[in-house]
N, C-alpha and C. Protein backbone atom coordinates (compact mmCIF):
# COMPACT_ATOMS: atom_id res chain seq x y z
N MET A 1 -25.62 -5.99 0.49
CA MET A 1 -24.25 -6.13 0.91
C MET A 1 -23.44 -4.93 0.05
N ALA A 2 -22.63 -4.22 0.83
CA ALA A 2 -21.76 -3.06 0.14
C ALA A 2 -20.96 -3.67 -1.02
N PRO A 3 -20.71 -2.83 -1.90
CA PRO A 3 -19.83 -3.44 -2.99
C PRO A 3 -18.46 -3.81 -2.57
N HIS A 4 -17.76 -2.94 -1.68
CA HIS A 4 -16.48 -3.32 -1.37
C HIS A 4 -16.27 -4.45 -0.38
N SER A 5 -17.40 -4.89 0.32
CA SER A 5 -17.30 -6.06 1.35
C SER A 5 -16.91 -7.29 0.32
N ASN A 6 -17.44 -7.49 -0.75
CA ASN A 6 -17.04 -8.59 -1.62
C ASN A 6 -15.55 -8.58 -1.83
N THR A 7 -14.99 -7.40 -2.05
CA THR A 7 -13.54 -7.32 -2.37
C THR A 7 -12.88 -7.70 -1.11
N GLN A 8 -13.25 -7.26 0.09
CA GLN A 8 -12.64 -7.60 1.23
C GLN A 8 -12.77 -9.24 1.62
N THR A 9 -13.90 -9.77 1.16
CA THR A 9 -14.10 -11.27 1.29
C THR A 9 -13.13 -11.90 0.48
N SER A 10 -12.88 -11.45 -0.77
CA SER A 10 -12.09 -12.03 -1.74
C SER A 10 -10.51 -11.87 -1.25
N ALA A 11 -10.19 -10.75 -0.76
CA ALA A 11 -8.80 -10.59 -0.26
C ALA A 11 -8.56 -11.57 0.97
N ALA A 12 -9.67 -11.73 1.86
CA ALA A 12 -9.39 -12.58 2.90
C ALA A 12 -9.24 -14.02 2.50
N VAL A 13 -9.97 -14.37 1.42
CA VAL A 13 -9.78 -15.88 0.81
C VAL A 13 -8.45 -16.00 0.31
N ALA A 14 -7.95 -14.87 -0.42
CA ALA A 14 -6.61 -14.97 -1.12
C ALA A 14 -5.46 -14.99 0.10
N ALA A 15 -5.73 -14.33 1.12
CA ALA A 15 -4.60 -14.41 2.09
C ALA A 15 -4.61 -15.67 2.76
N PHE A 16 -5.89 -16.25 2.85
CA PHE A 16 -5.86 -17.59 3.47
C PHE A 16 -5.15 -18.70 2.69
N ASP A 17 -5.36 -18.46 1.32
CA ASP A 17 -4.68 -19.36 0.28
C ASP A 17 -3.27 -19.39 0.35
N ARG A 18 -2.63 -18.10 0.73
CA ARG A 18 -1.23 -17.93 0.65
C ARG A 18 -0.61 -18.41 2.03
N ALA A 19 -1.39 -18.47 3.05
CA ALA A 19 -0.90 -18.88 4.34
C ALA A 19 0.06 -19.94 4.36
N GLY A 20 1.17 -19.90 4.95
CA GLY A 20 2.28 -21.00 5.09
C GLY A 20 3.01 -21.09 3.64
N THR A 21 2.83 -20.13 2.75
CA THR A 21 3.66 -20.21 1.52
C THR A 21 4.70 -19.11 1.60
N ILE A 22 5.51 -19.30 0.52
CA ILE A 22 6.49 -18.13 0.39
C ILE A 22 5.95 -16.89 0.14
N LEU A 23 4.60 -16.69 -0.31
CA LEU A 23 4.04 -15.40 -0.53
C LEU A 23 3.22 -14.99 0.61
N ALA A 24 3.26 -15.64 1.75
CA ALA A 24 2.55 -15.26 3.01
C ALA A 24 2.70 -13.84 3.44
N GLU A 25 3.92 -13.40 3.28
CA GLU A 25 4.29 -11.98 3.73
C GLU A 25 3.80 -10.95 2.81
N TYR A 26 3.29 -11.23 1.66
CA TYR A 26 2.83 -10.34 0.55
C TYR A 26 1.30 -10.11 0.69
N MET A 27 0.94 -8.94 0.18
CA MET A 27 -0.49 -8.49 0.14
C MET A 27 -0.84 -8.25 -1.43
N THR A 28 -2.06 -8.53 -1.77
CA THR A 28 -2.62 -8.06 -3.09
C THR A 28 -2.89 -6.67 -2.99
N PRO A 29 -2.96 -5.99 -4.10
CA PRO A 29 -3.40 -4.48 -4.07
C PRO A 29 -4.78 -4.43 -3.38
N GLU A 30 -5.74 -5.32 -3.54
CA GLU A 30 -7.08 -5.21 -2.82
C GLU A 30 -6.71 -5.26 -1.36
N GLU A 31 -6.01 -6.12 -0.77
CA GLU A 31 -5.61 -6.28 0.63
C GLU A 31 -5.10 -5.03 1.15
N LEU A 32 -4.07 -4.49 0.49
CA LEU A 32 -3.25 -3.35 0.94
C LEU A 32 -4.36 -2.10 0.96
N ALA A 33 -5.12 -1.84 -0.21
CA ALA A 33 -6.08 -0.88 -0.31
C ALA A 33 -6.83 -0.92 0.87
N GLY A 34 -7.42 -2.18 1.07
CA GLY A 34 -8.44 -2.31 2.38
C GLY A 34 -7.82 -1.89 3.73
N GLU A 35 -6.39 -2.09 3.92
CA GLU A 35 -5.89 -1.93 5.11
C GLU A 35 -5.58 -0.33 5.21
N LEU A 36 -5.21 0.27 4.04
CA LEU A 36 -5.01 1.73 4.15
C LEU A 36 -6.27 2.56 3.96
N GLY A 37 -7.38 1.80 3.69
CA GLY A 37 -8.45 2.67 3.55
C GLY A 37 -8.73 3.60 2.37
N ILE A 38 -8.07 3.10 1.25
CA ILE A 38 -8.04 3.76 -0.04
C ILE A 38 -8.52 2.77 -1.11
N CYS A 39 -8.75 3.36 -2.35
CA CYS A 39 -9.20 2.39 -3.34
C CYS A 39 -7.94 1.85 -4.22
N LYS A 40 -8.22 0.81 -4.79
CA LYS A 40 -7.04 0.09 -5.51
C LYS A 40 -6.56 1.19 -6.64
N ARG A 41 -7.43 2.01 -7.21
CA ARG A 41 -6.99 2.77 -8.27
C ARG A 41 -6.05 3.81 -7.70
N THR A 42 -6.08 4.23 -6.37
CA THR A 42 -5.22 5.16 -5.76
C THR A 42 -3.71 4.51 -5.78
N LEU A 43 -3.60 3.20 -5.37
CA LEU A 43 -2.42 2.44 -5.48
C LEU A 43 -1.77 2.41 -6.98
N ASP A 44 -2.77 2.29 -7.99
CA ASP A 44 -2.34 2.27 -9.21
C ASP A 44 -1.69 3.68 -9.72
N ARG A 45 -2.38 4.79 -9.27
CA ARG A 45 -1.86 5.98 -9.53
C ARG A 45 -0.44 6.41 -8.81
N TRP A 46 -0.40 5.80 -7.52
CA TRP A 46 0.78 5.93 -6.76
C TRP A 46 1.97 5.27 -7.55
N HIS A 47 1.63 3.95 -8.08
CA HIS A 47 2.70 3.31 -8.76
C HIS A 47 3.08 4.05 -9.99
N ALA A 48 2.12 4.54 -10.82
CA ALA A 48 2.41 5.31 -11.99
C ALA A 48 3.27 6.53 -11.77
N SER A 49 3.04 7.13 -10.80
CA SER A 49 3.76 8.47 -10.36
C SER A 49 5.04 8.04 -9.46
N ARG A 50 5.36 6.79 -9.29
CA ARG A 50 6.60 6.36 -8.57
C ARG A 50 6.39 6.88 -7.28
N SER A 51 5.44 7.13 -6.59
CA SER A 51 5.27 7.65 -5.11
C SER A 51 4.74 6.63 -4.23
N GLY A 52 4.38 5.43 -4.67
CA GLY A 52 3.61 4.58 -3.75
C GLY A 52 4.63 3.59 -3.19
N PRO A 53 4.01 2.61 -2.44
CA PRO A 53 4.89 1.65 -1.80
C PRO A 53 5.65 0.65 -2.84
N PRO A 54 6.75 0.19 -2.46
CA PRO A 54 7.47 -0.77 -3.58
C PRO A 54 6.56 -2.04 -3.75
N ARG A 55 6.64 -2.49 -4.91
CA ARG A 55 5.98 -3.64 -5.10
C ARG A 55 6.71 -4.65 -6.21
N VAL A 56 6.39 -5.84 -6.18
CA VAL A 56 6.98 -6.80 -7.01
C VAL A 56 5.72 -7.44 -7.80
N THR A 57 6.15 -7.80 -9.14
CA THR A 57 5.02 -8.39 -9.94
C THR A 57 5.47 -9.88 -10.33
N VAL A 58 4.50 -10.73 -9.91
CA VAL A 58 4.71 -12.16 -10.00
C VAL A 58 3.65 -12.51 -11.10
N GLY A 59 4.23 -12.86 -12.27
CA GLY A 59 3.36 -13.06 -13.43
C GLY A 59 2.74 -11.80 -13.83
N ARG A 60 1.54 -11.68 -13.73
CA ARG A 60 0.80 -10.30 -13.95
C ARG A 60 0.29 -9.68 -12.76
N ARG A 61 0.46 -10.33 -11.59
CA ARG A 61 -0.09 -9.90 -10.30
C ARG A 61 0.85 -9.04 -9.51
N PRO A 62 0.70 -7.72 -9.24
CA PRO A 62 1.50 -7.09 -8.34
C PRO A 62 1.20 -7.43 -6.88
N LEU A 63 2.19 -7.53 -6.19
CA LEU A 63 2.13 -7.84 -4.79
C LEU A 63 2.96 -6.96 -3.93
N TYR A 64 2.46 -6.69 -2.61
CA TYR A 64 3.19 -5.68 -1.83
C TYR A 64 3.75 -6.32 -0.64
N ARG A 65 5.01 -6.45 -0.20
CA ARG A 65 5.49 -7.05 0.97
C ARG A 65 5.17 -6.07 2.15
N ARG A 66 4.65 -6.81 3.14
CA ARG A 66 4.18 -6.07 4.40
C ARG A 66 5.20 -5.05 4.95
N ASP A 67 6.42 -5.78 5.11
CA ASP A 67 7.63 -4.96 5.69
C ASP A 67 8.02 -3.78 5.02
N ALA A 68 7.91 -3.90 3.53
CA ALA A 68 8.35 -2.78 2.67
C ALA A 68 7.23 -1.74 2.96
N VAL A 69 6.01 -2.14 2.91
CA VAL A 69 5.01 -1.14 2.95
C VAL A 69 5.07 -0.51 4.35
N ALA A 70 5.33 -1.08 5.45
CA ALA A 70 5.50 -0.45 6.73
C ALA A 70 6.63 0.47 6.72
N GLN A 71 7.74 0.17 6.12
CA GLN A 71 8.94 1.01 5.99
C GLN A 71 8.47 2.19 5.02
N TRP A 72 7.93 1.98 4.03
CA TRP A 72 7.42 3.24 3.22
C TRP A 72 6.45 4.21 4.03
N LEU A 73 5.61 3.61 4.79
CA LEU A 73 4.77 4.47 5.65
C LEU A 73 5.61 5.23 6.71
N ARG A 74 6.56 4.54 7.36
CA ARG A 74 7.44 5.31 8.23
C ARG A 74 8.29 6.38 7.53
N LYS A 75 8.81 6.13 6.35
CA LYS A 75 9.61 7.05 5.64
C LYS A 75 8.61 8.26 5.26
N ARG A 76 7.44 8.16 4.92
CA ARG A 76 6.51 9.12 4.60
C ARG A 76 6.23 9.95 5.88
N GLU A 77 6.14 9.31 6.97
CA GLU A 77 5.80 10.06 8.26
C GLU A 77 7.01 10.95 8.58
N GLU A 78 8.35 10.45 8.54
CA GLU A 78 9.35 11.15 8.78
C GLU A 78 9.54 12.20 7.85
N ASP A 79 9.44 12.09 6.47
CA ASP A 79 9.47 13.22 5.56
C ASP A 79 8.40 14.23 5.75
N PHE A 80 7.21 13.83 6.11
CA PHE A 80 6.16 14.85 6.27
C PHE A 80 6.50 15.69 7.63
N SER A 81 6.85 14.94 8.58
CA SER A 81 6.92 15.77 9.77
C SER A 81 8.15 16.54 9.83
N ASP A 82 9.28 16.21 9.13
CA ASP A 82 10.49 17.00 9.25
C ASP A 82 10.44 18.05 7.98
N GLY A 83 10.26 17.65 6.78
CA GLY A 83 10.35 18.32 5.59
C GLY A 83 9.30 19.37 5.36
N ALA A 84 8.05 18.97 5.67
CA ALA A 84 6.93 19.90 5.38
C ALA A 84 7.01 21.13 6.13
N ARG A 85 7.26 20.96 7.52
CA ARG A 85 7.27 22.19 8.38
C ARG A 85 8.43 23.15 7.94
N HIS A 86 9.54 22.53 7.64
CA HIS A 86 10.77 23.29 7.12
C HIS A 86 10.34 24.09 5.97
N ARG A 87 9.78 23.47 4.99
CA ARG A 87 9.45 24.25 3.63
C ARG A 87 8.43 25.22 4.08
N ALA A 88 7.47 25.00 4.88
CA ALA A 88 6.43 25.93 5.11
C ALA A 88 6.97 27.14 5.70
N ARG A 89 7.98 27.09 6.71
CA ARG A 89 8.70 28.23 7.08
C ARG A 89 9.33 29.01 6.21
N LYS A 90 9.93 28.32 5.32
CA LYS A 90 10.86 29.15 4.21
C LYS A 90 9.84 29.97 3.41
N ARG A 91 8.62 29.43 3.00
CA ARG A 91 7.73 30.24 2.20
C ARG A 91 7.16 31.38 3.01
N GLY A 92 6.82 31.18 4.19
CA GLY A 92 6.15 32.18 4.89
C GLY A 92 7.15 33.24 5.49
N ALA A 93 8.44 32.98 5.38
CA ALA A 93 9.44 33.94 5.90
C ALA A 93 9.71 35.11 4.81
């Protein structure tokens, strides 16, 4: 079995445990990393550089709210599509 499939199984169990609770709309770093197709360390680096999705810490456990992550992704899409082309034109001009 692949190493990260155990992580996916653990994340699925954690999500099932939270179903119907106040934390149902939150994801663990492992769950979010799996959905984004990145490793958990990337999330840690993004957090350290303040460039990642917003998160809340409950106890010692960071959690990501699904709506906040979706909003963060939309913002990145808008920033990339509008700002990057504009900056590239300035450099090339």
